[in-house]
Amino acid sequence: MELDEYESLPTGSAVTHMAAGAAAGIMEHCVMYPLDSVKTRMQSLRPSPGARYRSIADAFYKMVRHEGVMRPVRGMSAVVIGAGPAHALYFSCYEKLKRTISGTEHGTNSPISQGLAGCLATVMHDGIMNPAEVVKQRMQMYNSQFKRCTECFLHVWRQEGGHAFYRSFTTQLSMNIPFQCVHFVTYEFMQVLTNKERVYNPVAHMVSGGIAGAFAAAVTTPLDVCKTLLNTQESSLLRTSHQPQISGLVNAAATIYSCCGFKGYFRGLSARVLFQMPATAISWSVYEFFKSSLNRRSSGESELGPATGVNTAVTGVLTARPSVETATSER
């Protein structure tokens, strides 16, 4: 398959982009959700005595032992509901915007157009995903009063208003835009080393995605800690800081520093990196699989063909979105 054929599905295939993106997003978030729960707990600034953890393993062990085996996955349905349409919109809009901005059929010749397309698609993705993030993180917290996503959603809506679901939106964008820049640059650099011919290569996509996600997650952890604080509005911290609520990135950053100092910005760093590394690897692998499969089906081919070795290099730029956290979070 030629490079341009692989770089983008046919211009009329928005539905297939959406299907591939939705599958990638849902699988990524579901598989890695337990670790995301641990990450949220470890980012707590004023944890209760029962929620003080020495390590990721210690956090997971205590959650299962004291709160039940299903506790690490509480709130997953909120992510499934949000991640499907959010990732579908992201991938389809990204591919369309990439072609439109670059002025080429496949949008593969301009890194600037790819960056702009990624930023615009991120805004649309986060607009859908942010309410799901609020519900998810409140249900992940220690001693959360919520058992069901609908219960949590209605409580936030009635007690804090609809704006509470977007209290961290600007922070989310402030985190995801640099995350995407670092992630895509790192991914493309790794593709230079591992996938020169730019063909479907599951090992190359997985390795490149994992390394890119881990590096991007590490450098954007301070913003993720701020986002978590804005979403969870820790009651114990609000009491000790004598604030009715935490509002905005600047307020969140100042509160974190006054509470924990500079090291507070890197709470949950190891959990975030360990979450993003496999999450982005899964996202890239699933998306590339569907993209290659749909391309071959559209061209009348029935098989994916052999994967090339991981010692090849690339001369193009392919971009797609991992999840933010989350993780996100991200993804």
C-alpha atoms as a PDB file:
ATOM      1  CA  MET A   1       0.000   0.000   0.000  1.00  0.00           C
ATOM      2  CA  GLU A   2       1.347   3.444  -0.902  1.00  0.00           C
ATOM      3  CA  LEU A   3       2.119   5.979   1.824  1.00  0.00           C
ATOM      4  CA  ASP A   4      -0.661   8.392   0.808  1.00  0.00           C
ATOM      5  CA  GLU A   5      -3.192   5.562   0.710  1.00  0.00           C
ATOM      6  CA  TYR A   6      -2.354   4.566   4.258  1.00  0.00           C
ATOM      7  CA  GLU A   7      -2.029   8.074   5.664  1.00  0.00           C
ATOM      8  CA  SER A   8      -5.732   8.779   5.341  1.00  0.00           C
ATOM      9  CA  LEU A   9      -8.920   6.930   4.647  1.00  0.00           C
ATOM     10  CA  PRO A  10     -10.889   8.104   1.610  1.00  0.00           C
ATOM     11  CA  THR A  11     -12.205  11.649   1.985  1.00  0.00           C
ATOM     12  CA  GLY A  12     -15.809  10.474   2.262  1.00  0.00           C
ATOM     13  CA  SER A  13     -15.154   8.028   5.087  1.00  0.00           C
ATOM     14  CA  ALA A  14     -15.978  10.134   8.148  1.00  0.00           C
ATOM     15  CA  VAL A  15     -18.122   7.324   9.511  1.00  0.00           C
ATOM     16  CA  THR A  16     -15.235   4.869   9.387  1.00  0.00           C
ATOM     17  CA  HIS A  17     -12.947   7.367  11.127  1.00  0.00           C
ATOM     18  CA  MET A  18     -15.589   7.756  13.823  1.00  0.00           C
ATOM     19  CA  ALA A  19     -15.957   3.997  14.227  1.00  0.00           C
ATOM     20  CA  ALA A  20     -12.205   3.457  14.496  1.00  0.00           C
ATOM     21  CA  GLY A  21     -11.809   6.374  16.892  1.00  0.00           C
ATOM     22  CA  ALA A  22     -14.680   5.294  19.132  1.00  0.00           C
ATOM     23  CA  ALA A  23     -13.322   1.750  19.344  1.00  0.00           C
ATOM     24  CA  ALA A  24      -9.843   3.016  20.212  1.00  0.00           C
ATOM     25  CA  GLY A  25     -11.115   5.427  22.869  1.00  0.00           C
ATOM     26  CA  ILE A  26     -13.422   2.991  24.629  1.00  0.00           C
ATOM     27  CA  MET A  27     -10.870   0.182  24.691  1.00  0.00           C
ATOM     28  CA  GLU A  28      -8.101   2.478  25.919  1.00  0.00           C
ATOM     29  CA  HIS A  29     -10.125   3.868  28.828  1.00  0.00           C
ATOM     30  CA  CYS A  30     -11.728   0.588  29.882  1.00  0.00           C
ATOM     31  CA  VAL A  31      -8.506  -1.424  29.946  1.00  0.00           C
ATOM     32  CA  MET A  32      -6.605   1.217  31.914  1.00  0.00           C
ATOM     33  CA  TYR A  33      -9.429   2.457  34.150  1.00  0.00           C
ATOM     34  CA  PRO A  34      -8.285   0.760  37.414  1.00  0.00           C
ATOM     35  CA  LEU A  35      -4.899   2.468  37.166  1.00  0.00           C
ATOM     36  CA  ASP A  36      -6.624   5.760  36.422  1.00  0.00           C
ATOM     37  CA  SER A  37      -8.554   5.360  39.683  1.00  0.00           C
ATOM     38  CA  VAL A  38      -5.292   4.845  41.559  1.00  0.00           C
ATOM     39  CA  LYS A  39      -3.819   7.940  39.890  1.00  0.00           C
ATOM     40  CA  THR A  40      -6.762  10.081  40.986  1.00  0.00           C
ATOM     41  CA  ARG A  41      -6.423   8.858  44.578  1.00  0.00           C
ATOM     42  CA  MET A  42      -2.678   9.515  44.660  1.00  0.00           C
ATOM     43  CA  GLN A  43      -3.183  13.090  43.436  1.00  0.00           C
ATOM     44  CA  SER A  44      -5.320  13.924  46.476  1.00  0.00           C
ATOM     45  CA  LEU A  45      -3.740  16.805  48.422  1.00  0.00           C
ATOM     46  CA  ARG A  46      -5.434  16.159  51.775  1.00  0.00           C
ATOM     47  CA  PRO A  47      -6.138  12.407  51.760  1.00  0.00           C
ATOM     48  CA  SER A  48      -8.066  10.763  54.571  1.00  0.00           C
ATOM     49  CA  PRO A  49      -6.042   8.424  56.814  1.00  0.00           C
ATOM     50  CA  GLY A  50      -7.425   5.423  54.946  1.00  0.00           C
ATOM     51  CA  ALA A  51      -6.392   6.871  51.574  1.00  0.00           C
ATOM     52  CA  ARG A  52      -2.705   7.472  52.176  1.00  0.00           C
ATOM     53  CA  TYR A  53      -0.691   5.247  49.898  1.00  0.00           C
ATOM     54  CA  ARG A  54       3.021   4.481  49.700  1.00  0.00           C
ATOM     55  CA  SER A  55       2.967   3.259  46.110  1.00  0.00           C
ATOM     56  CA  ILE A  56       0.726   2.275  43.214  1.00  0.00           C
ATOM     57  CA  ALA A  57       0.636  -1.341  44.383  1.00  0.00           C
ATOM     58  CA  ASP A  58      -0.207  -0.258  47.931  1.00  0.00           C
ATOM     59  CA  ALA A  59      -3.051   1.925  46.675  1.00  0.00           C
ATOM     60  CA  PHE A  60      -4.540  -0.809  44.530  1.00  0.00           C
ATOM     61  CA  TYR A  61      -4.221  -3.395  47.316  1.00  0.00           C
ATOM     62  CA  LYS A  62      -5.945  -1.183  49.895  1.00  0.00           C
ATOM     63  CA  MET A  63      -8.727  -0.224  47.503  1.00  0.00           C
ATOM     64  CA  VAL A  64      -9.567  -3.861  46.786  1.00  0.00           C
ATOM     65  CA  ARG A  65      -9.130  -5.095  50.364  1.00  0.00           C
ATOM     66  CA  HIS A  66     -11.047  -2.370  52.192  1.00  0.00           C
ATOM     67  CA  GLU A  67     -13.542  -1.176  49.571  1.00  0.00           C
ATOM     68  CA  GLY A  68     -14.241  -4.253  47.474  1.00  0.00           C
ATOM     69  CA  VAL A  69     -12.884  -5.860  44.350  1.00  0.00           C
ATOM     70  CA  MET A  70     -15.044  -3.674  42.094  1.00  0.00           C
ATOM     71  CA  ARG A  71     -13.974  -0.387  43.669  1.00  0.00           C
ATOM     72  CA  PRO A  72     -11.180   0.374  41.161  1.00  0.00           C
ATOM     73  CA  VAL A  73     -13.680   0.328  38.283  1.00  0.00           C
ATOM     74  CA  ARG A  74     -16.437   2.415  39.864  1.00  0.00           C
ATOM     75  CA  GLY A  75     -17.391   5.215  37.479  1.00  0.00           C
ATOM     76  CA  MET A  76     -16.209   3.402  34.356  1.00  0.00           C
ATOM     77  CA  SER A  77     -19.594   3.734  32.683  1.00  0.00           C
ATOM     78  CA  ALA A  78     -19.181   7.525  32.659  1.00  0.00           C
ATOM     79  CA  VAL A  79     -15.968   7.120  30.679  1.00  0.00           C
ATOM     80  CA  VAL A  80     -17.554   4.661  28.244  1.00  0.00           C
ATOM     81  CA  ILE A  81     -20.441   7.051  27.613  1.00  0.00           C
ATOM     82  CA  GLY A  82     -18.093   9.991  27.104  1.00  0.00           C
ATOM     83  CA  ALA A  83     -15.100   8.376  25.391  1.00  0.00           C
ATOM     84  CA  GLY A  84     -17.028   6.798  22.518  1.00  0.00           C
ATOM     85  CA  PRO A  85     -18.509   9.970  21.005  1.00  0.00           C
ATOM     86  CA  ALA A  86     -15.560  12.138  22.119  1.00  0.00           C
ATOM     87  CA  HIS A  87     -12.944  10.013  20.359  1.00  0.00           C
ATOM     88  CA  ALA A  88     -15.202   9.455  17.354  1.00  0.00           C
ATOM     89  CA  LEU A  89     -15.570  13.217  16.928  1.00  0.00           C
ATOM     90  CA  TYR A  90     -11.871  13.783  17.514  1.00  0.00           C
ATOM     91  CA  PHE A  91     -10.565  11.366  14.905  1.00  0.00           C
ATOM     92  CA  SER A  92     -13.116  12.239  12.222  1.00  0.00           C
ATOM     93  CA  CYS A  93     -12.676  15.992  12.714  1.00  0.00           C
ATOM     94  CA  TYR A  94      -8.915  15.679  12.853  1.00  0.00           C
ATOM     95  CA  GLU A  95      -8.687  13.848   9.525  1.00  0.00           C
ATOM     96  CA  LYS A  96     -11.078  16.304   7.854  1.00  0.00           C
ATOM     97  CA  LEU A  97      -9.382  19.409   9.274  1.00  0.00           C
ATOM     98  CA  LYS A  98      -5.927  18.069   8.406  1.00  0.00           C
ATOM     99  CA  ARG A  99      -6.879  17.788   4.741  1.00  0.00           C
ATOM    100  CA  THR A 100      -8.715  21.119   4.706  1.00  0.00           C
ATOM    101  CA  ILE A 101      -5.960  23.169   6.355  1.00  0.00           C
ATOM    102  CA  SER A 102      -3.121  21.598   4.388  1.00  0.00           C
ATOM    103  CA  GLY A 103      -4.950  21.910   1.087  1.00  0.00           C
ATOM    104  CA  THR A 104      -3.912  18.383   0.064  1.00  0.00           C
ATOM    105  CA  GLU A 105      -6.042  15.287  -0.361  1.00  0.00           C
ATOM    106  CA  HIS A 106      -4.404  13.406   2.489  1.00  0.00           C
ATOM    107  CA  GLY A 107      -3.043  16.273   4.583  1.00  0.00           C
ATOM    108  CA  THR A 108       0.356  14.659   5.005  1.00  0.00           C
ATOM    109  CA  ASN A 109       2.703  17.385   3.821  1.00  0.00           C
ATOM    110  CA  SER A 110       2.366  20.068   6.490  1.00  0.00           C
ATOM    111  CA  PRO A 111       3.235  19.553  10.169  1.00  0.00           C
ATOM    112  CA  ILE A 112       1.669  22.962  10.885  1.00  0.00           C
ATOM    113  CA  SER A 113      -1.674  21.873   9.437  1.00  0.00           C
ATOM    114  CA  GLN A 114      -1.530  18.685  11.459  1.00  0.00           C
ATOM    115  CA  GLY A 115      -0.808  20.613  14.651  1.00  0.00           C
ATOM    116  CA  LEU A 116      -3.661  23.060  14.054  1.00  0.00           C
ATOM    117  CA  ALA A 117      -6.035  20.239  13.195  1.00  0.00           C
ATOM    118  CA  GLY A 118      -5.052  18.413  16.371  1.00  0.00           C
ATOM    119  CA  CYS A 119      -5.625  21.502  18.526  1.00  0.00           C
ATOM    120  CA  LEU A 120      -9.068  22.184  17.057  1.00  0.00           C
ATOM    121  CA  ALA A 121     -10.081  18.548  17.357  1.00  0.00           C
ATOM    122  CA  THR A 122      -8.887  18.555  20.980  1.00  0.00           C
ATOM    123  CA  VAL A 123     -11.233  21.429  21.822  1.00  0.00           C
ATOM    124  CA  MET A 124     -14.201  19.499  20.444  1.00  0.00           C
ATOM    125  CA  HIS A 125     -13.129  16.275  22.155  1.00  0.00           C
ATOM    126  CA  ASP A 126     -12.743  17.924  25.554  1.00  0.00           C
ATOM    127  CA  GLY A 127     -16.077  19.675  25.213  1.00  0.00           C
ATOM    128  CA  ILE A 128     -17.730  16.245  25.256  1.00  0.00           C
ATOM    129  CA  MET A 129     -15.356  14.508  27.649  1.00  0.00           C
ATOM    130  CA  ASN A 130     -15.111  17.095  30.437  1.00  0.00           C
ATOM    131  CA  PRO A 131     -18.463  16.326  32.137  1.00  0.00           C
ATOM    132  CA  ALA A 132     -17.605  12.612  32.080  1.00  0.00           C
ATOM    133  CA  GLU A 133     -14.246  13.411  33.709  1.00  0.00           C
ATOM    134  CA  VAL A 134     -15.969  15.292  36.536  1.00  0.00           C
ATOM    135  CA  VAL A 135     -18.350  12.415  37.275  1.00  0.00           C
ATOM    136  CA  LYS A 136     -15.599   9.818  36.953  1.00  0.00           C
ATOM    137  CA  GLN A 137     -13.136  11.524  39.290  1.00  0.00           C
ATOM    138  CA  ARG A 138     -15.720  12.257  41.977  1.00  0.00           C
ATOM    139  CA  MET A 139     -16.690   8.600  42.003  1.00  0.00           C
ATOM    140  CA  GLN A 140     -13.046   7.540  42.162  1.00  0.00           C
ATOM    141  CA  MET A 141     -12.280   9.516  45.328  1.00  0.00           C
ATOM    142  CA  TYR A 142     -11.995   7.820  48.725  1.00  0.00           C
ATOM    143  CA  ASN A 143     -15.301   7.665  50.656  1.00  0.00           C
ATOM    144  CA  SER A 144     -17.209   8.916  47.618  1.00  0.00           C
ATOM    145  CA  GLN A 145     -20.916   9.036  48.402  1.00  0.00           C
ATOM    146  CA  PHE A 146     -21.876   8.092  44.860  1.00  0.00           C
ATOM    147  CA  LYS A 147     -22.604   4.542  43.705  1.00  0.00           C
ATOM    148  CA  ARG A 148     -23.989   5.297  40.234  1.00  0.00           C
ATOM    149  CA  CYS A 149     -22.988   7.780  37.563  1.00  0.00           C
ATOM    150  CA  THR A 150     -26.500   9.182  37.238  1.00  0.00           C
ATOM    151  CA  GLU A 151     -26.604   9.824  40.985  1.00  0.00           C
ATOM    152  CA  CYS A 152     -23.321  11.729  40.831  1.00  0.00           C
ATOM    153  CA  PHE A 153     -24.341  13.702  37.748  1.00  0.00           C
ATOM    154  CA  LEU A 154     -27.654  14.813  39.244  1.00  0.00           C
ATOM    155  CA  HIS A 155     -26.037  15.749  42.567  1.00  0.00           C
ATOM    156  CA  VAL A 156     -23.446  17.977  40.888  1.00  0.00           C
ATOM    157  CA  TRP A 157     -26.094  19.515  38.645  1.00  0.00           C
ATOM    158  CA  ARG A 158     -28.437  20.344  41.534  1.00  0.00           C
ATOM    159  CA  GLN A 159     -25.854  21.438  44.096  1.00  0.00           C
ATOM    160  CA  GLU A 160     -23.303  23.259  41.921  1.00  0.00           C
ATOM    161  CA  GLY A 161     -25.034  23.931  38.627  1.00  0.00           C
ATOM    162  CA  GLY A 162     -24.181  22.983  35.071  1.00  0.00           C
ATOM    163  CA  HIS A 163     -21.042  25.139  35.047  1.00  0.00           C
ATOM    164  CA  ALA A 164     -19.431  22.711  37.524  1.00  0.00           C
ATOM    165  CA  PHE A 165     -18.998  20.209  34.696  1.00  0.00           C
ATOM    166  CA  TYR A 166     -16.778  22.714  32.889  1.00  0.00           C
ATOM    167  CA  ARG A 167     -14.949  24.244  35.843  1.00  0.00           C
ATOM    168  CA  SER A 168     -11.744  22.517  34.719  1.00  0.00           C
ATOM    169  CA  PHE A 169     -12.321  22.958  30.976  1.00  0.00           C
ATOM    170  CA  THR A 170      -9.684  25.655  30.415  1.00  0.00           C
ATOM    171  CA  THR A 171      -7.218  23.689  32.534  1.00  0.00           C
ATOM    172  CA  GLN A 172      -8.040  20.555  30.547  1.00  0.00           C
ATOM    173  CA  LEU A 173      -7.286  22.387  27.318  1.00  0.00           C
ATOM    174  CA  SER A 174      -4.151  23.948  28.810  1.00  0.00           C
ATOM    175  CA  MET A 175      -2.970  20.425  29.585  1.00  0.00           C
ATOM    176  CA  ASN A 176      -4.132  18.614  26.461  1.00  0.00           C
ATOM    177  CA  ILE A 177      -2.800  21.057  23.876  1.00  0.00           C
ATOM    178  CA  PRO A 178       0.834  20.856  25.089  1.00  0.00           C
ATOM    179  CA  PHE A 179       0.290  17.141  25.736  1.00  0.00           C
ATOM    180  CA  GLN A 180      -0.680  16.684  22.096  1.00  0.00           C
ATOM    181  CA  CYS A 181       2.293  18.701  20.853  1.00  0.00           C
ATOM    182  CA  VAL A 182       4.798  16.698  22.907  1.00  0.00           C
ATOM    183  CA  HIS A 183       3.017  13.441  22.147  1.00  0.00           C
ATOM    184  CA  PHE A 184       2.880  13.877  18.372  1.00  0.00           C
ATOM    185  CA  VAL A 185       6.473  15.095  18.065  1.00  0.00           C
ATOM    186  CA  THR A 186       7.697  12.165  20.151  1.00  0.00           C
ATOM    187  CA  TYR A 187       5.522   9.679  18.273  1.00  0.00           C
ATOM    188  CA  GLU A 188       6.788  10.875  14.914  1.00  0.00           C
ATOM    189  CA  PHE A 189      10.385  10.750  16.115  1.00  0.00           C
ATOM    190  CA  MET A 190       9.860   7.155  17.225  1.00  0.00           C
ATOM    191  CA  GLN A 191       8.237   6.338  13.895  1.00  0.00           C
ATOM    192  CA  VAL A 192      11.371   7.653  12.193  1.00  0.00           C
ATOM    193  CA  LEU A 193      13.249   4.961  14.061  1.00  0.00           C
ATOM    194  CA  THR A 194      10.758   2.117  13.811  1.00  0.00           C
ATOM    195  CA  ASN A 195       8.513   2.425  10.748  1.00  0.00           C
ATOM    196  CA  LYS A 196      10.295   3.943   7.759  1.00  0.00           C
ATOM    197  CA  GLU A 197       7.872   2.697   5.110  1.00  0.00           C
ATOM    198  CA  ARG A 198       4.823   3.876   7.074  1.00  0.00           C
ATOM    199  CA  VAL A 199       2.866   0.669   6.748  1.00  0.00           C
ATOM    200  CA  TYR A 200       0.665  -1.063   9.278  1.00  0.00           C
ATOM    201  CA  ASN A 201       3.149  -2.300  11.878  1.00  0.00           C
ATOM    202  CA  PRO A 202       1.509  -3.141  15.229  1.00  0.00           C
ATOM    203  CA  VAL A 203       4.788  -3.411  17.125  1.00  0.00           C
ATOM    204  CA  ALA A 204       6.052  -0.054  15.852  1.00  0.00           C
ATOM    205  CA  HIS A 205       2.735   1.670  16.580  1.00  0.00           C
ATOM    206  CA  MET A 206       2.573   0.193  20.074  1.00  0.00           C
ATOM    207  CA  VAL A 207       6.161   1.042  21.024  1.00  0.00           C
ATOM    208  CA  SER A 208       6.014   4.547  19.547  1.00  0.00           C
ATOM    209  CA  GLY A 209       2.662   5.297  21.142  1.00  0.00           C
ATOM    210  CA  GLY A 210       3.718   4.024  24.548  1.00  0.00           C
ATOM    211  CA  ILE A 211       6.933   6.039  24.690  1.00  0.00           C
ATOM    212  CA  ALA A 212       5.242   9.168  23.363  1.00  0.00           C
ATOM    213  CA  GLY A 213       2.401   8.899  25.868  1.00  0.00           C
ATOM    214  CA  ALA A 214       4.713   8.347  28.821  1.00  0.00           C
ATOM    215  CA  PHE A 215       6.922  11.335  27.995  1.00  0.00           C
ATOM    216  CA  ALA A 216       3.994  13.671  27.325  1.00  0.00           C
ATOM    217  CA  ALA A 217       2.292  12.547  30.540  1.00  0.00           C
ATOM    218  CA  ALA A 218       5.372  13.262  32.631  1.00  0.00           C
ATOM    219  CA  VAL A 219       5.830  16.847  31.450  1.00  0.00           C
ATOM    220  CA  THR A 220       2.131  17.731  31.818  1.00  0.00           C
ATOM    221  CA  THR A 221       1.568  16.173  35.267  1.00  0.00           C
ATOM    222  CA  PRO A 222       1.397  19.560  37.097  1.00  0.00           C
ATOM    223  CA  LEU A 223      -1.557  20.590  34.945  1.00  0.00           C
ATOM    224  CA  ASP A 224      -3.218  17.222  35.519  1.00  0.00           C
ATOM    225  CA  VAL A 225      -2.948  17.683  39.296  1.00  0.00           C
ATOM    226  CA  CYS A 226      -4.619  21.091  38.935  1.00  0.00           C
ATOM    227  CA  LYS A 227      -7.372  19.548  36.809  1.00  0.00           C
ATOM    228  CA  THR A 228      -8.002  16.805  39.368  1.00  0.00           C
ATOM    229  CA  LEU A 229      -8.332  19.381  42.160  1.00  0.00           C
ATOM    230  CA  LEU A 230     -10.790  21.453  40.125  1.00  0.00           C
ATOM    231  CA  ASN A 231     -12.878  18.380  39.310  1.00  0.00           C
ATOM    232  CA  THR A 232     -12.947  16.821  42.777  1.00  0.00           C
ATOM    233  CA  GLN A 233     -13.132  19.968  44.948  1.00  0.00           C
ATOM    234  CA  GLU A 234     -11.646  18.077  47.914  1.00  0.00           C
ATOM    235  CA  SER A 235     -13.800  18.887  50.937  1.00  0.00           C
ATOM    236  CA  SER A 236     -10.992  18.460  53.478  1.00  0.00           C
ATOM    237  CA  LEU A 237      -8.768  20.849  51.536  1.00  0.00           C
ATOM    238  CA  LEU A 238     -11.550  23.404  51.175  1.00  0.00           C
ATOM    239  CA  ARG A 239     -12.038  23.386  54.936  1.00  0.00           C
ATOM    240  CA  THR A 240      -8.361  23.843  55.787  1.00  0.00           C
ATOM    241  CA  SER A 241      -7.820  26.515  53.123  1.00  0.00           C
ATOM    242  CA  HIS A 242     -11.061  28.335  54.071  1.00  0.00           C
ATOM    243  CA  GLN A 243     -12.284  28.490  50.497  1.00  0.00           C
ATOM    244  CA  PRO A 244     -15.856  27.792  49.350  1.00  0.00           C
ATOM    245  CA  GLN A 245     -14.523  26.275  46.133  1.00  0.00           C
ATOM    246  CA  ILE A 246     -11.462  26.102  43.891  1.00  0.00           C
ATOM    247  CA  SER A 247     -12.041  28.115  40.716  1.00  0.00           C
ATOM    248  CA  GLY A 248      -9.683  28.309  37.777  1.00  0.00           C
ATOM    249  CA  LEU A 249      -6.162  27.195  36.980  1.00  0.00           C
ATOM    250  CA  VAL A 250      -4.396  30.003  38.862  1.00  0.00           C
ATOM    251  CA  ASN A 251      -6.399  29.385  42.039  1.00  0.00           C
ATOM    252  CA  ALA A 252      -5.779  25.639  41.800  1.00  0.00           C
ATOM    253  CA  ALA A 253      -2.035  26.088  41.250  1.00  0.00           C
ATOM    254  CA  ALA A 254      -1.752  28.503  44.181  1.00  0.00           C
ATOM    255  CA  THR A 255      -3.711  26.172  46.455  1.00  0.00           C
ATOM    256  CA  ILE A 256      -1.502  23.212  45.567  1.00  0.00           C
ATOM    257  CA  TYR A 257       1.671  25.187  46.256  1.00  0.00           C
ATOM    258  CA  SER A 258       0.451  26.530  49.604  1.00  0.00           C
ATOM    259  CA  CYS A 259      -0.624  23.041  50.637  1.00  0.00           C
ATOM    260  CA  CYS A 260       2.224  20.842  49.432  1.00  0.00           C
ATOM    261  CA  GLY A 261       4.912  23.057  47.945  1.00  0.00           C
ATOM    262  CA  PHE A 262       6.523  22.448  44.562  1.00  0.00           C
ATOM    263  CA  LYS A 263       6.420  18.670  44.950  1.00  0.00           C
ATOM    264  CA  GLY A 264       2.635  18.851  45.096  1.00  0.00           C
ATOM    265  CA  TYR A 265       2.541  19.487  41.356  1.00  0.00           C
ATOM    266  CA  PHE A 266       3.944  16.018  40.747  1.00  0.00           C
ATOM    267  CA  ARG A 267       1.666  13.971  42.971  1.00  0.00           C
ATOM    268  CA  GLY A 268       0.675  10.773  41.193  1.00  0.00           C
ATOM    269  CA  LEU A 269       3.428  11.169  38.587  1.00  0.00           C
ATOM    270  CA  SER A 270       4.325   7.481  38.485  1.00  0.00           C
ATOM    271  CA  ALA A 271       0.679   6.405  38.265  1.00  0.00           C
ATOM    272  CA  ARG A 272      -0.012   8.904  35.480  1.00  0.00           C
ATOM    273  CA  VAL A 273       2.984   7.757  33.442  1.00  0.00           C
ATOM    274  CA  LEU A 274       2.149   4.085  33.952  1.00  0.00           C
ATOM    275  CA  PHE A 275      -1.432   4.833  32.927  1.00  0.00           C
ATOM    276  CA  GLN A 276      -0.606   6.823  29.808  1.00  0.00           C
ATOM    277  CA  MET A 277       2.107   4.525  28.469  1.00  0.00           C
ATOM    278  CA  PRO A 278      -0.122   1.486  27.813  1.00  0.00           C
ATOM    279  CA  ALA A 279      -3.186   3.677  27.204  1.00  0.00           C
ATOM    280  CA  THR A 280      -1.624   5.508  24.273  1.00  0.00           C
ATOM    281  CA  ALA A 281      -0.075   2.275  23.022  1.00  0.00           C
ATOM    282  CA  ILE A 282      -3.546   0.700  22.980  1.00  0.00           C
ATOM    283  CA  SER A 283      -5.116   3.761  21.360  1.00  0.00           C
ATOM    284  CA  TRP A 284      -2.580   3.927  18.530  1.00  0.00           C
ATOM    285  CA  SER A 285      -2.636   0.159  17.969  1.00  0.00           C
ATOM    286  CA  VAL A 286      -6.421  -0.087  17.802  1.00  0.00           C
ATOM    287  CA  TYR A 287      -6.808   2.995  15.633  1.00  0.00           C
ATOM    288  CA  GLU A 288      -4.075   1.925  13.214  1.00  0.00           C
ATOM    289  CA  PHE A 289      -5.570  -1.569  13.009  1.00  0.00           C
ATOM    290  CA  PHE A 290      -9.012  -0.264  12.086  1.00  0.00           C
ATOM    291  CA  LYS A 291      -7.534   2.325   9.744  1.00  0.00           C
ATOM    292  CA  SER A 292      -5.472  -0.269   7.886  1.00  0.00           C
ATOM    293  CA  SER A 293      -8.350  -2.757   7.786  1.00  0.00           C
ATOM    294  CA  LEU A 294     -10.802  -0.201   6.445  1.00  0.00           C
ATOM    295  CA  ASN A 295      -8.294   1.065   3.892  1.00  0.00           C
ATOM    296  CA  ARG A 296      -7.710  -2.415   2.534  1.00  0.00           C
ATOM    297  CA  ARG A 297     -11.393  -3.170   2.481  1.00  0.00           C
ATOM    298  CA  SER A 298     -12.092   0.046   0.563  1.00  0.00           C
ATOM    299  CA  SER A 299      -9.386  -0.852  -1.969  1.00  0.00           C
ATOM    300  CA  GLY A 300     -10.701  -4.388  -2.411  1.00  0.00           C
ATOM    301  CA  GLU A 301      -7.936  -6.103  -0.451  1.00  0.00           C
ATOM    302  CA  SER A 302      -8.841  -8.786   2.037  1.00  0.00           C
ATOM    303  CA  GLU A 303      -5.712  -9.126   4.138  1.00  0.00           C
ATOM    304  CA  LEU A 304      -3.650  -6.735   6.206  1.00  0.00           C
ATOM    305  CA  GLY A 305      -0.408  -8.038   4.748  1.00  0.00           C
ATOM    306  CA  PRO A 306       2.790  -8.712   6.651  1.00  0.00           C
ATOM    307  CA  ALA A 307       4.003  -6.235   9.214  1.00  0.00           C
ATOM    308  CA  THR A 308       7.410  -4.818   8.639  1.00  0.00           C
ATOM    309  CA  GLY A 309      10.234  -5.019  11.169  1.00  0.00           C
ATOM    310  CA  VAL A 310      10.678  -2.375  13.802  1.00  0.00           C
ATOM    311  CA  ASN A 311      14.059  -1.289  12.506  1.00  0.00           C
ATOM    312  CA  THR A 312      12.612   0.817   9.668  1.00  0.00           C
ATOM    313  CA  ALA A 313      12.263   4.625   9.524  1.00  0.00           C
ATOM    314  CA  VAL A 314       9.602   7.199   8.378  1.00  0.00           C
ATOM    315  CA  THR A 315       9.436  10.395   6.391  1.00  0.00           C
ATOM    316  CA  GLY A 316       5.821  11.439   7.014  1.00  0.00           C
ATOM    317  CA  VAL A 317       3.691  12.618   9.844  1.00  0.00           C
ATOM    318  CA  LEU A 318       0.656  10.667  10.993  1.00  0.00           C
ATOM    319  CA  THR A 319      -1.266  12.025  13.919  1.00  0.00           C
ATOM    320  CA  ALA A 320      -4.099  10.651  15.941  1.00  0.00           C
ATOM    321  CA  ARG A 321      -5.265  11.299  19.483  1.00  0.00           C
ATOM    322  CA  PRO A 322      -4.591   9.061  22.431  1.00  0.00           C
ATOM    323  CA  SER A 323      -6.793   9.580  25.385  1.00  0.00           C
ATOM    324  CA  VAL A 324      -6.061  12.478  28.151  1.00  0.00           C
ATOM    325  CA  GLU A 325      -6.705  11.693  30.504  1.00  0.00           C
ATOM    326  CA  THR A 326      -7.753  11.155  30.952  1.00  0.00           C
ATOM    327  CA  ALA A 327      -6.538  10.244  31.089  1.00  0.00           C
ATOM    328  CA  THR A 328      -6.362  12.531  29.854  1.00  0.00           C
ATOM    329  CA  SER A 329      -5.656  12.192  32.877  1.00  0.00           C
ATOM    330  CA  GLU A 330      -6.160  13.293  29.826  1.00  0.00           C
ATOM    331  CA  ARG A 331      -7.327  10.819  28.374  1.00  0.00           C
END
